[in-house]
């Protein structure tokens, strides 16, 4: 990633971090390298997606494909005894091996997101969804949709299918693949049921009416009622395009409640900007006593956000400029040049200062400053005050010239 790309990525991360801070979240950094049993989260994550390594003791290790499992392990071990809820955020790399990897296909990605641990129920779900909306508003991203499902409700609707074909049904629904459903060894009634689940998406209240027509048990009815209450609460607080989708099934299988995707319909096509959901059993896998602690979180794809913002020309178009170029006029002036440059750097403001390292003519120095967008040149010569030459911003030049030449007491 080159300097301009780094500056643009940093701009995105700063915008997200401002939102996380305002909601009371604190940054956590976890290990890039983890034991495979930690990364697989009890089988919820397929080992084929993990880039695996082995240490000298033949211990199976892997590069984290996501951060939730690592944070869950950290919270129940190194943060044991802390009060809940814990509000944590991250901004880090993940490593994912694609199913059919192609030459030069990326396997390293940047993610930023939050985990709300120890907070269960409707209000915690609403908080996380509102943080998602605040982040996208902070980035000024238009034309995005929140697609909301519920893994618990969808899982209960799948129980009617025989155990041996349930994974194939689940996969076909997740991929909206009607042809795959037709090819399954199922009765026509069960195929129709699978297609009905596949079609459980659209405007929230229309979709909820369809769900209520199913033969639901008491727990399922309660879950649907909670989902309706959540939809009403979110729509009353945030201006967003919300789609309810009970066919939404995440590839990671530790979700127990709501699941969601953030999607942008840009001119170049649909881009998934982020994913998340509730996982109320995950922390129990790492707790020494097996105690379950509720959790919910999401992760934004920095690459996805970058592509949308780049199209909209919202990102910085240049790297930050250098404020000063300090030029020693002779080799005897090197020490004075470094001392003067440090004096400028010691300003209470962030000041970028370069010392000219190559002997050039005055014309070449000026051209270098123009090419690099440098604001001011300080010519340094023993026995005389620095000569300040304005390249661009006169107001800044006058300010620093005054500070530089202000008489000392």
Protein backbone atom coordinates (compact mmCIF):
# COMPACT_ATOMS: atom_id res chain seq x y z
CA UNK A 1 0.00 0.00 0.00
CA UNK A 2 1.60 3.23 -1.17
CA UNK A 3 1.57 6.54 0.79
CA UNK A 4 -1.57 7.94 -0.88
CA UNK A 5 -3.45 4.69 -0.27
CA UNK A 6 -2.29 4.71 3.35
CA UNK A 7 -3.51 8.31 3.78
CA UNK A 8 -6.90 7.38 2.30
CA UNK A 9 -7.21 4.26 4.46
CA UNK A 10 -6.26 6.29 7.54
CA UNK A 11 -8.97 8.83 6.68
CA UNK A 12 -11.60 6.07 6.65
CA UNK A 13 -10.32 4.57 9.90
CA UNK A 14 -10.29 7.95 11.65
CA UNK A 15 -13.92 8.56 10.69
CA UNK A 16 -14.95 5.14 12.03
CA UNK A 17 -12.88 5.54 15.19
CA UNK A 18 -14.60 8.84 15.99
CA UNK A 19 -17.96 7.06 15.98
CA UNK A 20 -16.67 4.16 18.09
CA UNK A 21 -15.26 6.58 20.66
CA UNK A 22 -18.50 8.55 20.87
CA UNK A 23 -20.39 5.35 21.70
CA UNK A 24 -17.95 4.51 24.51
CA UNK A 25 -15.93 1.76 22.81
CA UNK A 26 -12.24 1.08 23.50
CA UNK A 27 -9.70 -0.41 21.12
CA UNK A 28 -8.39 -3.94 21.57
CA UNK A 29 -5.52 -5.62 19.68
CA UNK A 30 -5.33 -9.42 19.62
CA UNK A 31 -2.82 -11.92 18.27
CA UNK A 32 -2.45 -12.28 14.54
CA UNK A 33 -1.40 -15.89 15.07
CA UNK A 34 -3.74 -18.14 17.09
CA UNK A 35 -4.20 -21.81 17.90
CA UNK A 36 -6.45 -23.50 15.37
CA UNK A 37 -8.95 -24.59 18.03
CA UNK A 38 -9.42 -20.92 18.96
CA UNK A 39 -9.82 -19.78 15.37
CA UNK A 40 -12.34 -22.45 14.42
CA UNK A 41 -14.73 -21.41 17.22
CA UNK A 42 -16.05 -24.88 17.91
CA UNK A 43 -16.41 -25.72 14.22
CA UNK A 44 -18.29 -22.53 13.33
CA UNK A 45 -15.42 -21.53 11.03
CA UNK A 46 -14.20 -23.98 8.41
CA UNK A 47 -10.49 -24.80 8.66
CA UNK A 48 -10.24 -24.61 4.86
CA UNK A 49 -10.65 -20.83 5.11
CA UNK A 50 -7.72 -20.49 7.53
CA UNK A 51 -4.12 -19.99 6.39
CA UNK A 52 -2.41 -22.59 8.58
CA UNK A 53 1.12 -22.86 9.99
CA UNK A 54 2.95 -25.19 12.34
CA UNK A 55 5.50 -24.37 15.03
CA UNK A 56 8.51 -26.40 16.17
CA UNK A 57 6.31 -28.36 18.61
CA UNK A 58 3.94 -29.44 15.82
CA UNK A 59 1.24 -27.23 17.32
CA UNK A 60 -1.36 -26.27 14.73
CA UNK A 61 -1.59 -22.52 14.34
CA UNK A 62 -3.36 -20.21 11.93
CA UNK A 63 -3.64 -16.58 10.85
CA UNK A 64 -6.95 -15.18 12.10
CA UNK A 65 -9.67 -15.16 9.37
CA UNK A 66 -11.79 -12.81 11.54
CA UNK A 67 -11.43 -11.14 14.94
CA UNK A 68 -14.53 -12.08 16.94
CA UNK A 69 -13.26 -15.47 18.09
CA UNK A 70 -9.89 -14.02 19.16
CA UNK A 71 -11.60 -11.23 21.10
CA UNK A 72 -13.98 -13.72 22.73
CA UNK A 73 -11.03 -15.81 23.95
CA UNK A 74 -9.23 -12.71 25.24
CA UNK A 75 -12.24 -11.40 27.14
CA UNK A 76 -13.00 -14.62 29.04
CA UNK A 77 -9.34 -15.29 29.90
CA UNK A 78 -7.27 -12.12 30.24
CA UNK A 79 -10.24 -9.87 31.07
CA UNK A 80 -11.93 -12.33 33.43
CA UNK A 81 -13.41 -10.55 36.43
CA UNK A 82 -14.05 -7.31 34.55
CA UNK A 83 -17.54 -5.93 34.73
CA UNK A 84 -19.95 -6.19 31.81
CA UNK A 85 -20.88 -4.97 29.32
CA UNK A 86 -17.50 -4.64 27.61
CA UNK A 87 -17.51 -2.30 24.62
CA UNK A 88 -14.52 -3.04 22.38
CA UNK A 89 -13.50 -2.04 18.86
CA UNK A 90 -10.72 -3.10 16.52
CA UNK A 91 -8.98 -1.98 13.37
CA UNK A 92 -6.72 -4.71 12.08
CA UNK A 93 -5.75 -7.26 9.43
CA UNK A 94 -7.45 -10.58 8.80
CA UNK A 95 -6.29 -13.41 6.54
CA UNK A 96 -8.71 -15.53 4.53
CA UNK A 97 -8.07 -18.34 2.07
CA UNK A 98 -10.66 -18.22 -0.75
CA UNK A 99 -12.36 -21.53 -1.73
CA UNK A 100 -10.87 -21.57 -5.24
CA UNK A 101 -7.79 -19.43 -4.93
CA UNK A 102 -6.47 -17.78 -8.08
CA UNK A 103 -2.96 -16.49 -8.77
CA UNK A 104 -2.30 -13.16 -7.02
CA UNK A 105 -5.75 -13.19 -5.39
CA UNK A 106 -5.66 -11.21 -2.11
CA UNK A 107 -5.68 -13.20 1.12
CA UNK A 108 -5.02 -10.28 3.47
CA UNK A 109 -7.70 -7.72 4.30
CA UNK A 110 -8.37 -4.83 6.69
CA UNK A 111 -11.39 -4.81 8.98
CA UNK A 112 -12.75 -2.37 11.54
CA UNK A 113 -15.63 -3.17 13.84
CA UNK A 114 -17.04 -3.47 17.34
CA UNK A 115 -17.92 -6.21 19.81
CA UNK A 116 -20.50 -5.55 22.55
CA UNK A 117 -19.97 -8.32 25.11
CA UNK A 118 -22.22 -9.02 28.07
CA UNK A 119 -25.11 -7.08 26.57
CA UNK A 120 -28.09 -9.16 25.58
CA UNK A 121 -31.52 -8.43 24.20
CA UNK A 122 -33.19 -5.80 22.13
CA UNK A 123 -31.39 -2.70 23.37
CA UNK A 124 -27.92 -4.15 22.67
CA UNK A 125 -29.01 -5.21 19.17
CA UNK A 126 -30.34 -1.71 18.53
CA UNK A 127 -27.13 -0.07 19.77
CA UNK A 128 -24.95 -2.03 17.37
CA UNK A 129 -27.22 -1.38 14.39
CA UNK A 130 -27.31 2.33 15.19
CA UNK A 131 -23.49 2.40 15.36
CA UNK A 132 -23.44 0.90 11.86
CA UNK A 133 -25.75 3.67 10.64
CA UNK A 134 -23.71 6.38 12.40
CA UNK A 135 -20.50 5.12 10.76
CA UNK A 136 -21.96 5.25 7.27
CA UNK A 137 -23.42 8.70 7.94
CA UNK A 138 -20.00 9.84 9.19
CA UNK A 139 -18.44 8.62 5.93
CA UNK A 140 -21.26 10.29 3.93
CA UNK A 141 -21.96 7.05 2.04
CA UNK A 142 -25.23 7.16 0.11
CA UNK A 143 -27.46 4.42 -1.28
CA UNK A 144 -26.74 1.74 1.30
CA UNK A 145 -29.11 -0.87 2.70
CA UNK A 146 -29.19 -2.80 5.95
CA UNK A 147 -30.26 -6.38 5.30
CA UNK A 148 -31.48 -7.91 8.57
CA UNK A 149 -32.17 -11.54 9.37
CA UNK A 150 -32.33 -13.79 12.41
CA UNK A 151 -30.20 -16.94 12.54
CA UNK A 152 -32.32 -18.45 15.34
CA UNK A 153 -35.60 -18.04 13.45
CA UNK A 154 -34.12 -19.32 10.18
CA UNK A 155 -32.53 -22.29 11.95
CA UNK A 156 -35.90 -23.23 13.49
CA UNK A 157 -37.59 -23.06 10.07
CA UNK A 158 -34.97 -25.50 8.73
CA UNK A 159 -35.65 -28.15 11.38
CA UNK A 160 -38.44 -29.62 9.27
CA UNK A 161 -35.84 -30.94 6.81
CA UNK A 162 -34.11 -34.30 7.37
CA UNK A 163 -30.78 -33.93 9.16
CA UNK A 164 -28.75 -35.43 6.31
CA UNK A 165 -29.93 -32.89 3.69
CA UNK A 166 -30.27 -29.87 5.96
CA UNK A 167 -26.77 -28.50 5.13
CA UNK A 168 -27.56 -28.63 1.38
CA UNK A 169 -30.91 -26.90 1.93
CA UNK A 170 -29.19 -24.26 4.05
CA UNK A 171 -26.55 -23.70 1.35
CA UNK A 172 -29.14 -23.43 -1.42
CA UNK A 173 -31.19 -20.89 0.55
CA UNK A 174 -28.06 -18.88 1.43
CA UNK A 175 -27.18 -18.71 -2.29
CA UNK A 176 -30.81 -18.05 -3.36
CA UNK A 177 -30.43 -21.10 -5.60
CA UNK A 178 -33.84 -22.47 -6.67
CA UNK A 179 -32.26 -24.91 -9.10
CA UNK A 180 -30.27 -26.54 -6.28
CA UNK A 181 -33.47 -26.92 -4.23
CA UNK A 182 -35.18 -28.68 -7.13
CA UNK A 183 -32.30 -31.15 -7.40
CA UNK A 184 -32.45 -32.20 -3.74
CA UNK A 185 -34.00 -35.53 -2.73
CA UNK A 186 -37.00 -33.95 -1.04
CA UNK A 187 -40.76 -34.25 -1.31
CA UNK A 188 -42.54 -31.55 -3.29
CA UNK A 189 -43.96 -30.23 -0.03
CA UNK A 190 -40.48 -29.79 1.49
CA UNK A 191 -39.15 -28.20 -1.71
CA UNK A 192 -42.02 -25.71 -1.56
CA UNK A 193 -41.17 -25.03 2.11
CA UNK A 194 -37.53 -24.36 1.18
CA UNK A 195 -38.57 -21.93 -1.58
CA UNK A 196 -40.90 -20.16 0.85
CA UNK A 197 -37.97 -19.58 3.25
CA UNK A 198 -35.87 -18.39 0.31
CA UNK A 199 -38.54 -15.78 -0.46
CA UNK A 200 -38.80 -14.45 3.10
CA UNK A 201 -37.26 -11.09 2.27
CA UNK A 202 -38.46 -7.62 1.42
CA UNK A 203 -40.00 -4.71 3.30
CA UNK A 204 -39.87 -5.52 7.03
CA UNK A 205 -43.56 -5.49 7.88
CA UNK A 206 -44.56 -7.38 4.71
CA UNK A 207 -41.97 -10.04 5.47
CA UNK A 208 -43.06 -10.30 9.11
CA UNK A 209 -46.63 -11.01 7.98
CA UNK A 210 -45.33 -13.94 5.91
CA UNK A 211 -43.37 -15.31 8.88
CA UNK A 212 -46.39 -15.17 11.17
CA UNK A 213 -48.20 -17.53 8.76
CA UNK A 214 -45.76 -20.34 9.61
CA UNK A 215 -46.66 -22.86 12.30
CA UNK A 216 -44.40 -21.36 14.96
CA UNK A 217 -43.84 -22.60 18.48
CA UNK A 218 -43.81 -20.26 21.47
CA UNK A 219 -40.02 -19.55 21.36
CA UNK A 220 -40.19 -18.82 17.63
CA UNK A 221 -43.18 -16.49 18.04
CA UNK A 222 -41.32 -14.64 20.79
CA UNK A 223 -38.25 -14.30 18.54
CA UNK A 224 -40.38 -12.93 15.69
CA UNK A 225 -42.07 -10.46 18.05
CA UNK A 226 -38.64 -9.32 19.27
CA UNK A 227 -37.53 -8.88 15.66
CA UNK A 228 -40.61 -6.75 14.94
CA UNK A 229 -39.91 -4.60 18.01
CA UNK A 230 -36.29 -4.17 16.94
CA UNK A 231 -37.33 -3.11 13.43
CA UNK A 232 -39.78 -0.54 14.87
CA UNK A 233 -37.13 0.83 17.25
CA UNK A 234 -34.43 1.14 14.58
CA UNK A 235 -36.75 2.79 12.07
CA UNK A 236 -37.83 5.32 14.73
CA UNK A 237 -34.19 6.31 15.45
CA UNK A 238 -32.31 6.11 12.15
CA UNK A 239 -33.13 7.09 8.59
CA UNK A 240 -32.11 4.00 6.64
CA UNK A 241 -33.22 1.54 3.99
CA UNK A 242 -34.01 -1.66 5.90
CA UNK A 243 -34.66 -5.02 4.25
CA UNK A 244 -35.77 -8.00 6.29
CA UNK A 245 -34.32 -11.25 4.94
CA UNK A 246 -34.82 -14.61 6.67
CA UNK A 247 -32.85 -16.29 3.88
CA UNK A 248 -29.77 -14.40 5.08
CA UNK A 249 -27.40 -17.10 6.32
CA UNK A 250 -23.81 -16.20 7.18
CA UNK A 251 -20.94 -18.49 6.25
CA UNK A 252 -19.71 -18.29 9.85
CA UNK A 253 -21.99 -20.50 11.92
CA UNK A 254 -21.72 -19.12 15.48
CA UNK A 255 -24.59 -16.65 15.15
CA UNK A 256 -27.62 -17.29 17.37
CA UNK A 257 -29.82 -14.20 16.92
CA UNK A 258 -29.94 -11.31 14.50
CA UNK A 259 -27.56 -11.33 11.54
CA UNK A 260 -27.08 -8.49 9.10
CA UNK A 261 -25.22 -7.23 6.07
CA UNK A 262 -24.52 -3.67 4.98
CA UNK A 263 -24.78 -3.39 1.20
CA UNK A 264 -24.10 -0.49 -1.15
CA UNK A 265 -25.71 -0.34 -4.56
CA UNK A 266 -23.06 1.65 -6.39
CA UNK A 267 -22.96 2.20 -10.14
CA UNK A 268 -20.36 -0.54 -10.47
CA UNK A 269 -22.58 -3.10 -8.73
CA UNK A 270 -23.48 -4.38 -5.28
CA UNK A 271 -20.70 -4.16 -2.68
CA UNK A 272 -20.91 -5.75 0.77
CA UNK A 273 -19.51 -3.14 3.16
CA UNK A 274 -19.89 -5.07 6.40
CA UNK A 275 -21.41 -8.02 8.24
CA UNK A 276 -22.34 -8.89 11.79
CA UNK A 277 -24.71 -10.54 14.20
CA UNK A 278 -25.45 -11.90 17.67
CA UNK A 279 -23.47 -14.84 19.11
CA UNK A 280 -24.68 -15.80 22.59
CA UNK A 281 -22.85 -19.15 22.85
CA UNK A 282 -19.40 -18.28 21.47
CA UNK A 283 -17.77 -16.99 24.67
CA UNK A 284 -18.78 -20.16 26.50
CA UNK A 285 -16.40 -22.13 24.24
CA UNK A 286 -13.43 -20.32 25.80
CA UNK A 287 -14.65 -19.80 29.36
CA UNK A 288 -12.96 -22.24 31.83
CA UNK A 289 -16.36 -22.90 33.45
CA UNK A 290 -18.19 -22.92 30.13
CA UNK A 291 -20.24 -19.90 31.13
CA UNK A 292 -22.09 -18.32 28.23
CA UNK A 293 -21.90 -14.56 27.90
CA UNK A 294 -24.03 -12.81 25.26
CA UNK A 295 -22.29 -10.93 22.49
CA UNK A 296 -23.01 -9.02 19.30
CA UNK A 297 -20.76 -7.23 16.85
CA UNK A 298 -19.95 -6.35 13.27
CA UNK A 299 -16.99 -5.78 10.96
CA UNK A 300 -16.65 -3.28 8.14
CA UNK A 301 -14.52 -4.17 5.13
CA UNK A 302 -12.08 -1.28 4.76
CA UNK A 303 -11.50 -2.34 1.14
CA UNK A 304 -15.26 -2.23 0.44
CA UNK A 305 -15.62 1.22 2.00
CA UNK A 306 -12.54 2.40 0.09
CA UNK A 307 -13.96 1.37 -3.28
CA UNK A 308 -17.24 3.20 -2.69
CA UNK A 309 -15.58 6.36 -1.36
CA UNK A 310 -13.05 6.33 -4.19
CA UNK A 311 -15.85 6.29 -6.77
CA UNK A 312 -17.53 9.22 -5.00
CA UNK A 313 -14.21 11.14 -4.85
CA UNK A 314 -14.61 11.63 -1.10
CA UNK A 315 -11.12 10.46 -0.17
CA UNK A 316 -8.02 12.66 0.10
CA UNK A 317 -6.47 13.06 -3.33
CA UNK A 318 -2.93 13.73 -2.14
CA UNK A 319 -0.64 12.84 0.72
CA UNK A 320 -0.20 15.49 3.45
CA UNK A 321 2.21 18.19 2.31
CA UNK A 322 5.53 18.96 3.94
CA UNK A 323 5.49 22.36 5.63
CA UNK A 324 9.20 23.18 5.50
CA UNK A 325 12.27 22.32 3.46
CA UNK A 326 15.43 23.25 5.37
CA UNK A 327 18.42 23.71 3.05
CA UNK A 328 22.05 23.92 4.29
CA UNK A 329 23.88 26.14 1.84
CA UNK A 330 27.29 24.49 2.43
CA UNK A 331 28.49 21.22 4.05
CA UNK A 332 29.59 23.30 7.05
CA UNK A 333 25.94 24.22 7.63
CA UNK A 334 24.60 20.66 8.13
CA UNK A 335 24.58 20.89 11.91
CA UNK A 336 22.78 24.25 11.84
CA UNK A 337 20.24 22.86 9.36
CA UNK A 338 19.38 19.87 11.59
CA UNK A 339 19.13 22.16 14.64
CA UNK A 340 16.82 24.57 12.82
CA UNK A 341 14.67 21.71 11.50
CA UNK A 342 14.26 20.37 15.04
CA UNK A 343 13.26 23.82 16.28
CA UNK A 344 10.46 23.84 13.71
CA UNK A 345 9.39 20.29 14.64
CA UNK A 346 9.14 21.29 18.30
CA UNK A 347 6.16 23.50 17.50
CA UNK A 348 2.98 22.66 19.41
CA UNK A 349 1.38 22.01 16.01
CA UNK A 350 2.17 19.00 13.84
CA UNK A 351 4.77 20.29 11.39
CA UNK A 352 6.38 18.21 8.66
CA UNK A 353 9.98 19.27 8.08
CA UNK A 354 12.46 17.89 5.56
CA UNK A 355 16.18 18.59 5.46
CA UNK A 356 17.60 18.79 1.97
CA UNK A 357 20.01 15.85 1.62
CA UNK A 358 21.43 16.44 -1.86
CA UNK A 359 23.43 19.46 -2.97
CA UNK A 360 21.37 21.26 -5.61
CA UNK A 361 21.27 24.62 -7.25
CA UNK A 362 18.79 27.14 -5.87
CA UNK A 363 16.57 26.61 -8.92
CA UNK A 364 16.57 22.82 -8.40
CA UNK A 365 15.68 23.22 -4.73
CA UNK A 366 12.74 25.47 -5.59
CA UNK A 367 11.52 23.09 -8.27
CA UNK A 368 11.73 20.16 -5.84
CA UNK A 369 9.63 22.14 -3.34
CA UNK A 370 7.03 22.96 -6.00
CA UNK A 371 6.89 19.33 -7.20
CA UNK A 372 6.34 18.07 -3.65
CA UNK A 373 3.92 20.78 -2.62
CA UNK A 374 6.27 22.05 0.12
CA UNK A 375 5.06 25.32 1.60
CA UNK A 376 8.27 27.09 2.66
CA UNK A 377 12.04 26.89 2.28
CA UNK A 378 14.48 27.87 5.03
CA UNK A 379 17.97 28.64 3.65
CA UNK A 380 20.59 28.03 6.38
CA UNK A 381 24.01 29.66 6.38
CA UNK A 382 26.44 30.11 9.26
CA UNK A 383 26.72 33.64 10.57
CA UNK A 384 23.32 34.84 9.39
CA UNK A 385 19.63 34.39 10.18
CA UNK A 386 17.72 31.77 8.19
CA UNK A 387 16.34 33.15 4.95
CA UNK A 388 12.69 32.14 4.60
CA UNK A 389 11.31 31.77 1.10
CA UNK A 390 7.59 31.35 0.55
CA UNK A 391 6.59 28.62 -1.88
CA UNK A 392 2.81 28.48 -1.39
CA UNK A 393 0.89 29.44 1.76
CA UNK A 394 1.79 33.01 2.77
CA UNK A 395 -0.29 33.02 5.97
CA UNK A 396 1.55 29.99 7.38
CA UNK A 397 4.87 31.39 6.25
CA UNK A 398 4.33 34.66 8.08
CA UNK A 399 3.26 32.84 11.25
CA UNK A 400 6.32 30.61 11.37
CA UNK A 401 8.64 33.43 10.30
CA UNK A 402 7.45 35.43 13.28
CA UNK A 403 7.91 32.49 15.66
CA UNK A 404 11.35 31.81 14.21
CA UNK A 405 12.71 35.35 14.43
CA UNK A 406 10.95 36.46 17.63
CA UNK A 407 13.66 37.95 19.92
CA UNK A 408 14.62 35.74 22.86
CA UNK A 409 14.76 37.18 26.40
